[in-house]
Amino acid sequence: MKDLVKLMDPKYLEVIGLFNPRGGISIKPFANYGDSDHQDMVRARLIANFHND
């Protein structure tokens, strides 16, 4: 995500990885970035991502 932020200079960026479980362990990594005007969205999406598991 950091490389994409450097390259594109976005207002908001969200990266989600969806991986099928192997050995009974599944993971769903999530990262997001927002410029100074979009920090409310960053917090809201982070919270929403953890509540949608």
N, C-alpha and C. Protein backbone atom coordinates (compact mmCIF):
# COMPACT_ATOMS: atom_id res chain seq x y z
N MET A 1 0.82 -1.17 0.00
CA MET A 1 0.00 0.00 0.00
C MET A 1 0.88 1.26 0.00
N LYS A 2 1.96 1.24 0.75
CA LYS A 2 2.82 2.43 0.82
C LYS A 2 3.38 2.79 -0.55
N ASP A 3 3.72 1.77 -1.35
CA ASP A 3 4.23 2.04 -2.70
C ASP A 3 3.14 2.68 -3.56
N LEU A 4 1.91 2.21 -3.44
CA LEU A 4 0.81 2.80 -4.21
C LEU A 4 0.54 4.24 -3.79
N VAL A 5 0.61 4.52 -2.50
CA VAL A 5 0.40 5.88 -2.02
C VAL A 5 1.47 6.81 -2.60
N LYS A 6 2.72 6.36 -2.60
CA LYS A 6 3.80 7.18 -3.18
C LYS A 6 3.57 7.42 -4.67
N LEU A 7 3.17 6.38 -5.38
CA LEU A 7 3.01 6.45 -6.82
C LEU A 7 1.80 7.30 -7.24
N MET A 8 0.67 7.14 -6.54
CA MET A 8 -0.58 7.74 -6.99
C MET A 8 -1.01 8.98 -6.21
N ASP A 9 -0.49 9.19 -5.01
CA ASP A 9 -0.90 10.30 -4.15
C ASP A 9 -2.42 10.38 -4.03
N PRO A 10 -3.08 9.30 -3.56
CA PRO A 10 -4.54 9.27 -3.51
C PRO A 10 -5.09 10.06 -2.32
N LYS A 11 -6.37 10.39 -2.39
CA LYS A 11 -7.07 10.98 -1.25
C LYS A 11 -7.42 9.89 -0.25
N TYR A 12 -7.81 8.72 -0.79
CA TYR A 12 -8.13 7.56 0.05
C TYR A 12 -7.75 6.31 -0.72
N LEU A 13 -7.19 5.33 0.00
CA LEU A 13 -6.81 4.06 -0.62
C LEU A 13 -7.07 2.94 0.37
N GLU A 14 -7.61 1.86 -0.12
CA GLU A 14 -7.92 0.70 0.72
C GLU A 14 -7.42 -0.56 0.02
N VAL A 15 -6.72 -1.41 0.76
CA VAL A 15 -6.20 -2.66 0.22
C VAL A 15 -6.68 -3.79 1.12
N ILE A 16 -7.33 -4.78 0.51
CA ILE A 16 -7.85 -5.93 1.26
C ILE A 16 -7.34 -7.20 0.59
N GLY A 17 -6.85 -8.14 1.37
CA GLY A 17 -6.44 -9.43 0.85
C GLY A 17 -7.41 -10.50 1.32
N LEU A 18 -7.94 -11.26 0.41
CA LEU A 18 -8.86 -12.35 0.75
C LEU A 18 -8.17 -13.66 0.39
N PHE A 19 -7.87 -14.45 1.39
CA PHE A 19 -7.14 -15.69 1.19
C PHE A 19 -7.97 -16.87 1.69
N ASN A 20 -8.00 -17.93 0.91
CA ASN A 20 -8.71 -19.14 1.33
C ASN A 20 -7.96 -19.81 2.47
N PRO A 21 -8.71 -20.38 3.40
CA PRO A 21 -8.04 -21.04 4.52
C PRO A 21 -7.24 -22.25 4.08
N ARG A 22 -6.12 -22.42 4.72
CA ARG A 22 -5.31 -23.62 4.50
C ARG A 22 -4.89 -24.10 5.88
N GLY A 23 -5.23 -25.29 6.18
CA GLY A 23 -4.94 -25.81 7.50
C GLY A 23 -5.87 -25.24 8.56
N GLY A 24 -7.03 -24.73 8.11
CA GLY A 24 -8.02 -24.23 9.05
C GLY A 24 -7.80 -22.80 9.51
N ILE A 25 -6.78 -22.13 8.98
CA ILE A 25 -6.51 -20.75 9.40
C ILE A 25 -6.70 -19.83 8.20
N SER A 26 -7.63 -18.92 8.31
CA SER A 26 -7.83 -17.95 7.24
C SER A 26 -7.42 -16.56 7.74
N ILE A 27 -6.97 -15.74 6.81
CA ILE A 27 -6.60 -14.38 7.16
C ILE A 27 -7.24 -13.41 6.17
N LYS A 28 -7.48 -12.21 6.62
CA LYS A 28 -8.05 -11.16 5.79
C LYS A 28 -7.32 -9.85 6.13
N PRO A 29 -6.10 -9.67 5.59
CA PRO A 29 -5.37 -8.46 5.89
C PRO A 29 -6.06 -7.24 5.28
N PHE A 30 -6.01 -6.13 6.01
CA PHE A 30 -6.67 -4.90 5.60
C PHE A 30 -5.75 -3.73 5.93
N ALA A 31 -5.59 -2.82 5.00
CA ALA A 31 -4.83 -1.60 5.24
C ALA A 31 -5.53 -0.47 4.50
N ASN A 32 -5.54 0.70 5.11
CA ASN A 32 -6.10 1.84 4.40
C ASN A 32 -5.30 3.09 4.70
N TYR A 33 -5.45 4.06 3.82
CA TYR A 33 -4.72 5.32 3.91
C TYR A 33 -5.67 6.43 3.52
N GLY A 34 -5.57 7.55 4.19
CA GLY A 34 -6.32 8.72 3.80
C GLY A 34 -5.50 9.97 4.06
N ASP A 35 -5.66 10.95 3.17
CA ASP A 35 -4.95 12.21 3.40
C ASP A 35 -5.58 12.91 4.61
N SER A 36 -5.09 14.07 4.95
CA SER A 36 -5.55 14.74 6.17
C SER A 36 -7.03 15.09 6.13
N ASP A 37 -7.61 15.26 4.95
CA ASP A 37 -9.04 15.57 4.83
C ASP A 37 -9.94 14.34 4.95
N HIS A 38 -9.37 13.14 4.91
CA HIS A 38 -10.17 11.92 4.88
C HIS A 38 -9.91 10.99 6.07
N GLN A 39 -9.44 11.52 7.18
CA GLN A 39 -9.14 10.70 8.34
C GLN A 39 -10.40 10.09 8.97
N ASP A 40 -11.53 10.78 8.88
CA ASP A 40 -12.78 10.21 9.39
C ASP A 40 -13.15 8.95 8.61
N MET A 41 -12.95 8.98 7.30
CA MET A 41 -13.23 7.81 6.47
C MET A 41 -12.29 6.67 6.81
N VAL A 42 -11.02 6.98 7.06
CA VAL A 42 -10.04 5.96 7.41
C VAL A 42 -10.50 5.22 8.67
N ARG A 43 -10.88 5.96 9.69
CA ARG A 43 -11.33 5.34 10.95
C ARG A 43 -12.62 4.55 10.76
N ALA A 44 -13.57 5.12 10.04
CA ALA A 44 -14.86 4.45 9.83
C ALA A 44 -14.70 3.14 9.06
N ARG A 45 -13.89 3.14 8.00
CA ARG A 45 -13.69 1.92 7.21
C ARG A 45 -12.92 0.87 7.99
N LEU A 46 -11.96 1.30 8.80
CA LEU A 46 -11.20 0.36 9.62
C LEU A 46 -12.14 -0.35 10.60
N ILE A 47 -12.99 0.41 11.25
CA ILE A 47 -13.96 -0.17 12.20
C ILE A 47 -14.93 -1.07 11.47
N ALA A 48 -15.45 -0.62 10.31
CA ALA A 48 -16.40 -1.43 9.55
C ALA A 48 -15.79 -2.74 9.09
N ASN A 49 -14.53 -2.72 8.73
CA ASN A 49 -13.87 -3.94 8.25
C ASN A 49 -13.79 -4.98 9.36
N PHE A 50 -13.54 -4.57 10.58
CA PHE A 50 -13.45 -5.52 11.68
C PHE A 50 -14.82 -6.03 12.13
N HIS A 51 -15.86 -5.27 11.87
CA HIS A 51 -17.21 -5.70 12.26
C HIS A 51 -17.85 -6.60 11.22
N ASN A 52 -17.30 -6.69 10.01
CA ASN A 52 -17.90 -7.50 8.95
C ASN A 52 -17.31 -8.89 8.83
N ASP A 53 -16.58 -9.34 9.81
CA ASP A 53 -15.95 -10.68 9.73
C ASP A 53 -16.94 -11.78 9.81
